[in-house]
């Protein structure tokens, strides 16, 4: 586990393949710039739900940064649900970080329930993005079957919004539910 208080902690991300799914070209470019600064060499991009599914199936990213609302280009939550229900475990266990401009508790809990490995709130903090990618690439992710969907066995314990004064902590109530 990466200790964010330890200023000396550094995890190499150059072998990581990261997919960015967002209908905003501006956001994709911003995320691409951050990822490049972290040393990520393979950065894949998609603007629509259909492009994202094709990217996942053909280019096999290790981590997907997935926008919750893809506007007229699709629905990030629906894509996450589709990925978690996919019969191919390489797809259903893909690490997915949901990215959203909305920091409401309902949306955060919904993302966790759908199987997000983590949730980041826009505007995207480079530090938080690095910490999440470092954690996802450093620790083996375990998944449990919940209904017909694979979800992280230990969902994110907190969701942090880097806004001016707002910190949202979402303690997952899904840990106590039995898995099938």
N, C-alpha and C. Protein backbone atom coordinates (compact mmCIF):
# COMPACT_ATOMS: atom_id res chain seq x y z
N UNK A 1 0.84 -1.17 0.00
CA UNK A 1 0.00 0.00 0.00
C UNK A 1 0.89 1.24 0.00
N UNK A 2 0.54 2.20 -0.81
CA UNK A 2 1.29 3.45 -0.91
C UNK A 2 0.89 4.35 0.25
N UNK A 3 1.88 4.86 0.96
CA UNK A 3 1.62 5.80 2.04
C UNK A 3 1.75 7.21 1.48
N UNK A 4 0.59 7.93 1.32
CA UNK A 4 0.65 9.27 0.72
C UNK A 4 1.42 10.28 1.57
N UNK A 5 1.61 9.96 2.86
CA UNK A 5 2.35 10.88 3.72
C UNK A 5 3.87 10.70 3.53
N UNK A 6 4.28 9.59 2.98
CA UNK A 6 5.69 9.33 2.74
C UNK A 6 6.10 9.99 1.43
N UNK A 7 6.79 11.09 1.51
CA UNK A 7 7.16 11.84 0.32
C UNK A 7 8.19 11.12 -0.54
N UNK A 8 8.83 10.05 0.02
CA UNK A 8 9.85 9.34 -0.71
C UNK A 8 9.31 8.15 -1.51
N UNK A 9 8.04 7.82 -1.35
CA UNK A 9 7.47 6.67 -2.04
C UNK A 9 7.32 6.96 -3.52
N UNK A 10 7.87 6.05 -4.33
CA UNK A 10 7.75 6.22 -5.77
C UNK A 10 7.52 4.85 -6.39
N UNK A 11 6.53 4.75 -7.22
CA UNK A 11 6.23 3.50 -7.91
C UNK A 11 6.35 3.78 -9.40
N UNK A 12 7.15 2.96 -10.09
CA UNK A 12 7.30 3.12 -11.54
C UNK A 12 6.02 2.70 -12.23
N UNK A 13 5.55 3.53 -13.12
CA UNK A 13 4.31 3.25 -13.85
C UNK A 13 4.56 3.07 -15.34
N UNK A 14 5.84 2.97 -15.74
CA UNK A 14 6.16 2.93 -17.17
C UNK A 14 5.66 1.67 -17.88
N UNK A 15 5.42 0.60 -17.15
CA UNK A 15 4.94 -0.63 -17.78
C UNK A 15 3.41 -0.69 -17.82
N UNK A 16 2.76 0.27 -17.19
CA UNK A 16 1.31 0.28 -17.11
C UNK A 16 0.68 0.74 -18.43
N UNK A 17 -0.38 0.06 -18.82
CA UNK A 17 -1.17 0.44 -20.00
C UNK A 17 -2.47 1.05 -19.48
N UNK A 18 -2.67 2.34 -19.74
CA UNK A 18 -3.83 3.04 -19.18
C UNK A 18 -4.75 3.51 -20.31
N UNK A 19 -6.02 3.19 -20.16
CA UNK A 19 -7.04 3.67 -21.09
C UNK A 19 -7.80 4.83 -20.48
N UNK A 20 -8.04 5.86 -21.27
CA UNK A 20 -8.81 7.02 -20.84
C UNK A 20 -10.10 7.02 -21.65
N UNK A 21 -11.24 7.03 -20.95
CA UNK A 21 -12.53 7.05 -21.64
C UNK A 21 -13.29 8.29 -21.16
N UNK A 22 -13.42 9.26 -22.05
CA UNK A 22 -14.13 10.50 -21.72
C UNK A 22 -14.56 11.15 -23.03
N UNK A 23 -15.75 11.71 -23.04
CA UNK A 23 -16.23 12.37 -24.26
C UNK A 23 -15.58 13.72 -24.48
N UNK A 24 -14.88 14.23 -23.46
CA UNK A 24 -14.21 15.53 -23.56
C UNK A 24 -12.77 15.35 -24.04
N UNK A 25 -12.46 15.88 -25.22
CA UNK A 25 -11.09 15.82 -25.73
C UNK A 25 -10.14 16.56 -24.79
N UNK A 26 -10.62 17.64 -24.18
CA UNK A 26 -9.81 18.41 -23.24
C UNK A 26 -9.40 17.54 -22.05
N UNK A 27 -10.37 16.81 -21.46
CA UNK A 27 -10.05 15.96 -20.32
C UNK A 27 -9.09 14.85 -20.73
N UNK A 28 -9.32 14.25 -21.89
CA UNK A 28 -8.42 13.18 -22.34
C UNK A 28 -6.99 13.70 -22.48
N UNK A 29 -6.83 14.90 -23.03
CA UNK A 29 -5.50 15.49 -23.20
C UNK A 29 -4.87 15.80 -21.83
N UNK A 30 -5.66 16.33 -20.91
CA UNK A 30 -5.17 16.63 -19.57
C UNK A 30 -4.70 15.35 -18.87
N UNK A 31 -5.52 14.30 -18.92
CA UNK A 31 -5.16 13.03 -18.29
C UNK A 31 -3.93 12.43 -18.98
N UNK A 32 -3.87 12.52 -20.30
CA UNK A 32 -2.72 12.01 -21.05
C UNK A 32 -1.43 12.71 -20.61
N UNK A 33 -1.51 14.01 -20.43
CA UNK A 33 -0.34 14.79 -19.99
C UNK A 33 0.11 14.35 -18.60
N UNK A 34 -0.84 14.16 -17.68
CA UNK A 34 -0.50 13.70 -16.33
C UNK A 34 0.14 12.31 -16.39
N UNK A 35 -0.48 11.41 -17.14
CA UNK A 35 0.03 10.04 -17.23
C UNK A 35 1.44 10.02 -17.83
N UNK A 36 1.65 10.83 -18.86
CA UNK A 36 2.99 10.92 -19.45
C UNK A 36 4.01 11.41 -18.45
N UNK A 37 3.62 12.38 -17.61
CA UNK A 37 4.52 12.90 -16.59
C UNK A 37 4.84 11.83 -15.54
N UNK A 38 3.91 10.88 -15.33
CA UNK A 38 4.15 9.79 -14.38
C UNK A 38 5.03 8.70 -14.99
N UNK A 39 5.31 8.80 -16.28
CA UNK A 39 6.13 7.79 -16.94
C UNK A 39 5.35 6.73 -17.68
N UNK A 40 4.02 6.83 -17.69
CA UNK A 40 3.20 5.85 -18.40
C UNK A 40 3.50 5.99 -19.89
N UNK A 41 3.86 4.89 -20.53
CA UNK A 41 4.23 4.93 -21.95
C UNK A 41 3.09 4.58 -22.88
N UNK A 42 2.19 3.70 -22.43
CA UNK A 42 1.08 3.29 -23.29
C UNK A 42 -0.20 3.92 -22.75
N UNK A 43 -0.70 4.91 -23.49
CA UNK A 43 -1.91 5.63 -23.11
C UNK A 43 -2.89 5.48 -24.25
N UNK A 44 -4.00 4.83 -23.97
CA UNK A 44 -5.04 4.57 -24.97
C UNK A 44 -6.20 5.52 -24.70
N UNK A 45 -6.93 5.89 -25.75
CA UNK A 45 -8.03 6.83 -25.57
C UNK A 45 -9.27 6.39 -26.31
N UNK A 46 -10.41 6.70 -25.72
CA UNK A 46 -11.70 6.46 -26.35
C UNK A 46 -12.65 7.58 -25.93
N UNK A 47 -13.52 7.98 -26.87
CA UNK A 47 -14.46 9.06 -26.60
C UNK A 47 -15.88 8.55 -26.38
N UNK A 48 -16.14 7.31 -26.76
CA UNK A 48 -17.49 6.77 -26.66
C UNK A 48 -17.47 5.42 -25.96
N UNK A 49 -18.64 5.00 -25.53
CA UNK A 49 -18.80 3.69 -24.90
C UNK A 49 -18.37 2.58 -25.86
N UNK A 50 -18.76 2.68 -27.12
CA UNK A 50 -18.42 1.67 -28.13
C UNK A 50 -16.91 1.62 -28.37
N UNK A 51 -16.28 2.79 -28.50
CA UNK A 51 -14.82 2.83 -28.68
C UNK A 51 -14.11 2.24 -27.48
N UNK A 52 -14.63 2.52 -26.29
CA UNK A 52 -14.01 2.01 -25.06
C UNK A 52 -14.08 0.49 -25.01
N UNK A 53 -15.22 -0.07 -25.34
CA UNK A 53 -15.36 -1.53 -25.32
C UNK A 53 -14.41 -2.16 -26.33
N UNK A 54 -14.31 -1.57 -27.50
CA UNK A 54 -13.39 -2.06 -28.51
C UNK A 54 -11.94 -1.98 -28.01
N UNK A 55 -11.58 -0.87 -27.38
CA UNK A 55 -10.24 -0.69 -26.84
C UNK A 55 -9.93 -1.76 -25.79
N UNK A 56 -10.87 -2.01 -24.89
CA UNK A 56 -10.66 -3.01 -23.85
C UNK A 56 -10.46 -4.39 -24.46
N UNK A 57 -11.27 -4.72 -25.45
CA UNK A 57 -11.22 -6.06 -26.06
C UNK A 57 -9.97 -6.28 -26.92
N UNK A 58 -9.50 -5.23 -27.59
CA UNK A 58 -8.40 -5.41 -28.54
C UNK A 58 -7.04 -4.96 -28.02
N UNK A 59 -7.00 -4.00 -27.09
CA UNK A 59 -5.72 -3.43 -26.66
C UNK A 59 -5.36 -3.72 -25.21
N UNK A 60 -6.27 -4.33 -24.48
CA UNK A 60 -6.02 -4.81 -23.11
C UNK A 60 -5.32 -3.83 -22.17
N UNK A 61 -5.95 -2.70 -21.84
CA UNK A 61 -5.32 -1.81 -20.86
C UNK A 61 -5.28 -2.49 -19.48
N UNK A 62 -4.36 -2.04 -18.64
CA UNK A 62 -4.28 -2.54 -17.26
C UNK A 62 -5.23 -1.80 -16.36
N UNK A 63 -5.43 -0.52 -16.66
CA UNK A 63 -6.30 0.35 -15.86
C UNK A 63 -7.12 1.19 -16.83
N UNK A 64 -8.38 1.40 -16.48
CA UNK A 64 -9.26 2.24 -17.28
C UNK A 64 -9.72 3.42 -16.43
N UNK A 65 -9.45 4.65 -16.91
CA UNK A 65 -10.02 5.86 -16.30
C UNK A 65 -11.31 6.11 -17.05
N UNK A 66 -12.43 5.91 -16.38
CA UNK A 66 -13.74 5.91 -17.05
C UNK A 66 -14.62 7.02 -16.52
N UNK A 67 -15.00 7.93 -17.41
CA UNK A 67 -15.91 9.02 -17.04
C UNK A 67 -17.30 8.46 -16.80
N UNK A 68 -17.94 8.92 -15.74
CA UNK A 68 -19.28 8.46 -15.39
C UNK A 68 -20.28 8.82 -16.48
N UNK A 69 -20.20 10.07 -16.95
CA UNK A 69 -21.18 10.57 -17.92
C UNK A 69 -20.47 10.86 -19.24
N UNK A 70 -20.74 10.03 -20.23
CA UNK A 70 -20.11 10.23 -21.53
C UNK A 70 -20.99 11.06 -22.47
N UNK A 71 -21.95 11.77 -21.91
CA UNK A 71 -22.83 12.62 -22.72
C UNK A 71 -23.61 11.79 -23.71
N UNK A 72 -23.69 12.25 -24.93
CA UNK A 72 -24.42 11.51 -25.96
C UNK A 72 -23.61 10.31 -26.45
N UNK A 73 -22.36 10.19 -26.01
CA UNK A 73 -21.49 9.11 -26.46
C UNK A 73 -21.66 7.84 -25.63
N UNK A 74 -22.54 7.85 -24.63
CA UNK A 74 -22.77 6.66 -23.84
C UNK A 74 -22.79 6.93 -22.35
N UNK A 75 -22.76 5.85 -21.59
CA UNK A 75 -22.90 5.92 -20.16
C UNK A 75 -21.77 5.12 -19.52
N UNK A 76 -20.90 5.80 -18.77
CA UNK A 76 -19.77 5.14 -18.14
C UNK A 76 -20.20 4.10 -17.12
N UNK A 77 -21.26 4.38 -16.36
CA UNK A 77 -21.75 3.41 -15.38
C UNK A 77 -22.24 2.14 -16.06
N UNK A 78 -22.94 2.29 -17.17
CA UNK A 78 -23.42 1.12 -17.92
C UNK A 78 -22.24 0.32 -18.49
N UNK A 79 -21.20 1.01 -18.94
CA UNK A 79 -20.02 0.32 -19.45
C UNK A 79 -19.32 -0.45 -18.34
N UNK A 80 -19.19 0.16 -17.16
CA UNK A 80 -18.59 -0.53 -16.02
C UNK A 80 -19.39 -1.79 -15.69
N UNK A 81 -20.69 -1.69 -15.67
CA UNK A 81 -21.55 -2.84 -15.40
C UNK A 81 -21.32 -3.93 -16.46
N UNK A 82 -21.24 -3.54 -17.71
CA UNK A 82 -21.00 -4.48 -18.80
C UNK A 82 -19.64 -5.17 -18.63
N UNK A 83 -18.61 -4.41 -18.28
CA UNK A 83 -17.28 -4.98 -18.08
C UNK A 83 -17.28 -5.99 -16.93
N UNK A 84 -17.91 -5.65 -15.81
CA UNK A 84 -17.92 -6.52 -14.64
C UNK A 84 -18.73 -7.81 -14.87
N UNK A 85 -19.66 -7.77 -15.82
CA UNK A 85 -20.47 -8.95 -16.14
C UNK A 85 -19.88 -9.78 -17.28
N UNK A 86 -18.80 -9.30 -17.88
CA UNK A 86 -18.23 -9.96 -19.05
C UNK A 86 -17.71 -11.36 -18.68
N UNK A 87 -17.92 -12.36 -19.53
CA UNK A 87 -17.48 -13.73 -19.21
C UNK A 87 -15.96 -13.91 -19.21
N UNK A 88 -15.23 -13.06 -19.91
CA UNK A 88 -13.77 -13.16 -19.96
C UNK A 88 -13.20 -12.45 -18.73
N UNK A 89 -12.52 -13.19 -17.86
CA UNK A 89 -12.00 -12.60 -16.63
C UNK A 89 -10.95 -11.53 -16.86
N UNK A 90 -10.28 -11.54 -17.99
CA UNK A 90 -9.33 -10.45 -18.29
C UNK A 90 -10.08 -9.12 -18.43
N UNK A 91 -11.34 -9.20 -18.87
CA UNK A 91 -12.17 -8.01 -19.02
C UNK A 91 -12.88 -7.69 -17.70
N UNK A 92 -13.47 -8.71 -17.07
CA UNK A 92 -14.27 -8.46 -15.87
C UNK A 92 -13.44 -8.07 -14.65
N UNK A 93 -12.13 -8.32 -14.69
CA UNK A 93 -11.27 -7.92 -13.57
C UNK A 93 -10.36 -6.75 -13.91
N UNK A 94 -10.64 -6.08 -15.01
CA UNK A 94 -9.88 -4.89 -15.39
C UNK A 94 -10.04 -3.83 -14.29
N UNK A 95 -8.94 -3.23 -13.86
CA UNK A 95 -9.00 -2.17 -12.85
C UNK A 95 -9.65 -0.94 -13.47
N UNK A 96 -10.73 -0.47 -12.85
CA UNK A 96 -11.47 0.68 -13.36
C UNK A 96 -11.55 1.77 -12.30
N UNK A 97 -11.06 2.95 -12.66
CA UNK A 97 -11.19 4.13 -11.80
C UNK A 97 -12.25 5.01 -12.44
N UNK A 98 -13.38 5.14 -11.76
CA UNK A 98 -14.44 6.01 -12.27
C UNK A 98 -14.04 7.46 -12.00
N UNK A 99 -14.31 8.31 -12.96
CA UNK A 99 -14.02 9.74 -12.85
C UNK A 99 -15.34 10.47 -13.05
N UNK A 100 -15.65 11.37 -12.14
CA UNK A 100 -16.93 12.07 -12.22
C UNK A 100 -16.79 13.52 -11.77
N UNK A 101 -17.63 14.36 -12.30
CA UNK A 101 -17.67 15.76 -11.88
C UNK A 101 -18.64 15.95 -10.72
N UNK A 102 -19.34 14.88 -10.36
CA UNK A 102 -20.37 14.96 -9.31
C UNK A 102 -19.93 14.18 -8.09
N UNK A 103 -19.84 14.84 -6.96
CA UNK A 103 -19.31 14.22 -5.74
C UNK A 103 -20.40 13.83 -4.76
N UNK A 104 -21.60 13.52 -5.25
CA UNK A 104 -22.66 13.15 -4.33
C UNK A 104 -22.50 11.72 -3.85
N UNK A 105 -22.92 11.46 -2.61
CA UNK A 105 -22.75 10.16 -1.97
C UNK A 105 -23.44 9.05 -2.75
N UNK A 106 -24.62 9.30 -3.29
CA UNK A 106 -25.36 8.29 -4.05
C UNK A 106 -24.56 7.79 -5.23
N UNK A 107 -23.94 8.70 -5.96
CA UNK A 107 -23.15 8.33 -7.13
C UNK A 107 -21.90 7.53 -6.71
N UNK A 108 -21.28 7.96 -5.63
CA UNK A 108 -20.09 7.26 -5.15
C UNK A 108 -20.43 5.82 -4.76
N UNK A 109 -21.49 5.65 -4.01
CA UNK A 109 -21.91 4.30 -3.60
C UNK A 109 -22.30 3.46 -4.80
N UNK A 110 -22.95 4.07 -5.76
CA UNK A 110 -23.34 3.35 -6.97
C UNK A 110 -22.11 2.87 -7.73
N UNK A 111 -21.08 3.70 -7.83
CA UNK A 111 -19.85 3.31 -8.53
C UNK A 111 -19.20 2.12 -7.83
N UNK A 112 -19.17 2.15 -6.51
CA UNK A 112 -18.58 1.05 -5.74
C UNK A 112 -19.41 -0.21 -5.94
N UNK A 113 -20.72 -0.08 -5.88
CA UNK A 113 -21.60 -1.24 -6.04
C UNK A 113 -21.46 -1.86 -7.44
N UNK A 114 -21.25 -1.02 -8.45
CA UNK A 114 -21.06 -1.53 -9.81
C UNK A 114 -19.70 -2.18 -10.02
N UNK A 115 -18.76 -1.93 -9.10
CA UNK A 115 -17.47 -2.60 -9.18
C UNK A 115 -16.28 -1.72 -9.49
N UNK A 116 -16.41 -0.40 -9.31
CA UNK A 116 -15.26 0.47 -9.53
C UNK A 116 -14.18 0.15 -8.50
N UNK A 117 -12.93 0.12 -8.94
CA UNK A 117 -11.82 -0.07 -8.01
C UNK A 117 -11.57 1.19 -7.21
N UNK A 118 -11.93 2.32 -7.80
CA UNK A 118 -11.75 3.59 -7.12
C UNK A 118 -12.58 4.65 -7.84
N UNK A 119 -12.75 5.79 -7.21
CA UNK A 119 -13.49 6.91 -7.79
C UNK A 119 -12.70 8.17 -7.55
N UNK A 120 -12.51 8.96 -8.62
CA UNK A 120 -11.87 10.26 -8.50
C UNK A 120 -12.84 11.33 -8.98
N UNK A 121 -12.82 12.46 -8.32
CA UNK A 121 -13.74 13.55 -8.65
C UNK A 121 -12.97 14.64 -9.39
N UNK A 122 -13.58 15.12 -10.47
CA UNK A 122 -12.99 16.23 -11.24
C UNK A 122 -13.19 17.51 -10.44
N UNK A 123 -12.30 18.47 -10.54
CA UNK A 123 -11.10 18.46 -11.37
C UNK A 123 -10.11 17.45 -10.83
N UNK A 124 -9.46 16.77 -11.72
CA UNK A 124 -8.55 15.69 -11.39
C UNK A 124 -7.27 16.21 -10.76
N UNK A 125 -6.94 15.66 -9.62
CA UNK A 125 -5.70 16.00 -8.94
C UNK A 125 -4.61 15.04 -9.42
N UNK A 126 -3.49 15.57 -9.90
CA UNK A 126 -2.38 14.73 -10.36
C UNK A 126 -1.88 13.83 -9.23
N UNK A 127 -1.80 14.37 -8.04
CA UNK A 127 -1.33 13.58 -6.90
C UNK A 127 -2.26 12.41 -6.63
N UNK A 128 -3.56 12.67 -6.57
CA UNK A 128 -4.53 11.59 -6.30
C UNK A 128 -4.50 10.54 -7.42
N UNK A 129 -4.41 10.99 -8.66
CA UNK A 129 -4.35 10.06 -9.78
C UNK A 129 -3.11 9.18 -9.66
N UNK A 130 -1.97 9.77 -9.39
CA UNK A 130 -0.74 8.99 -9.22
C UNK A 130 -0.90 7.98 -8.09
N UNK A 131 -1.42 8.42 -6.94
CA UNK A 131 -1.59 7.53 -5.79
C UNK A 131 -2.49 6.35 -6.15
N UNK A 132 -3.58 6.61 -6.85
CA UNK A 132 -4.50 5.52 -7.22
C UNK A 132 -3.84 4.54 -8.18
N UNK A 133 -3.15 5.06 -9.18
CA UNK A 133 -2.48 4.19 -10.15
C UNK A 133 -1.36 3.39 -9.46
N UNK A 134 -0.63 4.03 -8.58
CA UNK A 134 0.44 3.33 -7.85
C UNK A 134 -0.13 2.21 -7.00
N UNK A 135 -1.24 2.47 -6.31
CA UNK A 135 -1.88 1.44 -5.49
C UNK A 135 -2.39 0.29 -6.36
N UNK A 136 -3.04 0.62 -7.45
CA UNK A 136 -3.59 -0.42 -8.32
C UNK A 136 -2.50 -1.26 -8.97
N UNK A 137 -1.36 -0.66 -9.26
CA UNK A 137 -0.29 -1.41 -9.92
C UNK A 137 0.61 -2.14 -8.92
N UNK A 138 0.54 -1.78 -7.64
CA UNK A 138 1.42 -2.37 -6.63
C UNK A 138 0.80 -3.57 -5.91
N UNK A 139 -0.50 -3.59 -5.80
CA UNK A 139 -1.17 -4.64 -5.04
C UNK A 139 -2.07 -5.46 -5.96
N UNK A 140 -2.06 -6.75 -5.74
CA UNK A 140 -2.94 -7.63 -6.52
C UNK A 140 -4.39 -7.34 -6.13
N UNK A 141 -5.22 -7.13 -7.10
CA UNK A 141 -6.63 -6.85 -6.85
C UNK A 141 -7.39 -8.16 -6.77
N UNK A 142 -8.16 -8.34 -5.72
CA UNK A 142 -8.98 -9.52 -5.55
C UNK A 142 -10.42 -9.18 -5.89
N UNK A 143 -11.11 -10.12 -6.52
CA UNK A 143 -12.49 -9.90 -6.94
C UNK A 143 -13.38 -10.99 -6.38
N UNK A 144 -14.62 -10.62 -6.14
CA UNK A 144 -15.62 -11.56 -5.64
C UNK A 144 -16.84 -11.48 -6.56
N UNK A 145 -17.53 -12.60 -6.68
CA UNK A 145 -18.73 -12.62 -7.51
C UNK A 145 -19.91 -12.15 -6.67
N UNK A 146 -20.59 -11.14 -7.16
CA UNK A 146 -21.81 -10.64 -6.54
C UNK A 146 -22.88 -10.71 -7.60
N UNK A 147 -23.74 -11.71 -7.50
CA UNK A 147 -24.72 -11.95 -8.56
C UNK A 147 -23.98 -12.44 -9.78
N UNK A 148 -24.20 -11.80 -10.91
CA UNK A 148 -23.49 -12.19 -12.14
C UNK A 148 -22.40 -11.18 -12.49
N UNK A 149 -21.89 -10.48 -11.50
CA UNK A 149 -20.88 -9.44 -11.72
C UNK A 149 -19.68 -9.69 -10.80
N UNK A 150 -18.48 -9.50 -11.32
CA UNK A 150 -17.29 -9.52 -10.47
C UNK A 150 -17.04 -8.10 -9.97
N UNK A 151 -16.79 -7.98 -8.68
CA UNK A 151 -16.50 -6.67 -8.10
C UNK A 151 -15.27 -6.80 -7.22
N UNK A 152 -14.55 -5.71 -6.99
CA UNK A 152 -13.40 -5.79 -6.09
C UNK A 152 -13.84 -6.36 -4.73
N UNK A 153 -13.09 -7.34 -4.22
CA UNK A 153 -13.43 -7.97 -2.95
C UNK A 153 -13.35 -6.97 -1.80
N UNK A 154 -12.45 -6.02 -1.93
CA UNK A 154 -12.35 -4.96 -0.93
C UNK A 154 -12.54 -3.65 -1.68
N UNK A 155 -13.80 -3.15 -1.71
CA UNK A 155 -14.05 -1.90 -2.43
C UNK A 155 -13.33 -0.73 -1.77
N UNK A 156 -13.20 0.38 -2.50
CA UNK A 156 -12.52 1.54 -1.92
C UNK A 156 -13.19 1.96 -0.62
N UNK A 157 -12.38 2.25 0.40
CA UNK A 157 -12.92 2.62 1.70
C UNK A 157 -13.30 4.09 1.74
N UNK A 158 -12.73 4.87 0.85
CA UNK A 158 -13.05 6.30 0.89
C UNK A 158 -12.95 6.87 -0.50
N UNK A 159 -13.67 7.93 -0.69
CA UNK A 159 -13.62 8.67 -1.93
C UNK A 159 -13.31 10.11 -1.53
N UNK A 160 -12.30 10.67 -2.12
CA UNK A 160 -11.88 12.01 -1.71
C UNK A 160 -12.07 12.98 -2.85
N UNK A 161 -12.67 14.11 -2.55
CA UNK A 161 -12.82 15.19 -3.52
C UNK A 161 -11.86 16.29 -3.11
N UNK A 162 -11.02 16.71 -4.02
CA UNK A 162 -10.02 17.72 -3.71
C UNK A 162 -10.52 19.14 -3.84
N UNK A 163 -11.82 19.32 -3.82
CA UNK A 163 -12.38 20.66 -3.95
C UNK A 163 -11.94 21.55 -2.80
N UNK A 164 -12.35 22.81 -2.83
CA UNK A 164 -11.87 23.79 -1.87
C UNK A 164 -12.02 23.37 -0.41
N UNK A 165 -13.15 22.80 -0.03
CA UNK A 165 -13.31 22.47 1.38
C UNK A 165 -14.03 21.14 1.58
N UNK A 166 -14.28 20.43 0.53
CA UNK A 166 -15.12 19.25 0.64
C UNK A 166 -14.30 17.97 0.62
N UNK A 167 -14.48 17.18 1.63
CA UNK A 167 -13.89 15.84 1.65
C UNK A 167 -15.04 14.89 1.90
N UNK A 168 -15.19 13.96 1.00
CA UNK A 168 -16.26 12.98 1.13
C UNK A 168 -15.64 11.64 1.45
N UNK A 169 -16.08 11.04 2.50
CA UNK A 169 -15.61 9.70 2.86
C UNK A 169 -16.80 8.76 2.77
N UNK A 170 -16.64 7.76 1.98
CA UNK A 170 -17.70 6.79 1.79
C UNK A 170 -17.19 5.47 2.33
N UNK A 171 -17.72 5.03 3.43
CA UNK A 171 -17.37 3.72 3.99
C UNK A 171 -18.27 2.72 3.30
N UNK A 172 -17.68 1.78 2.67
CA UNK A 172 -18.45 0.83 1.89
C UNK A 172 -19.23 -0.11 2.80
N UNK A 173 -20.53 -0.14 2.60
CA UNK A 173 -21.37 -1.08 3.34
C UNK A 173 -21.46 -2.40 2.60
N UNK A 174 -20.76 -2.53 1.50
CA UNK A 174 -20.80 -3.74 0.70
C UNK A 174 -19.91 -4.83 1.28
N UNK A 175 -19.01 -4.49 2.18
CA UNK A 175 -18.10 -5.49 2.75
C UNK A 175 -18.87 -6.53 3.55
N UNK A 176 -19.98 -6.13 4.15
CA UNK A 176 -20.71 -7.06 5.00
C UNK A 176 -21.66 -7.96 4.22
N UNK A 177 -21.89 -7.68 2.95
CA UNK A 177 -22.78 -8.51 2.15
C UNK A 177 -22.08 -9.80 1.76
N UNK A 178 -22.80 -10.91 1.82
CA UNK A 178 -22.18 -12.18 1.43
C UNK A 178 -21.94 -12.20 -0.08
N UNK A 179 -20.87 -12.89 -0.48
CA UNK A 179 -20.58 -13.04 -1.90
C UNK A 179 -21.00 -14.44 -2.32
N UNK A 180 -21.36 -14.55 -3.57
CA UNK A 180 -21.81 -15.85 -4.10
C UNK A 180 -20.85 -16.36 -5.12
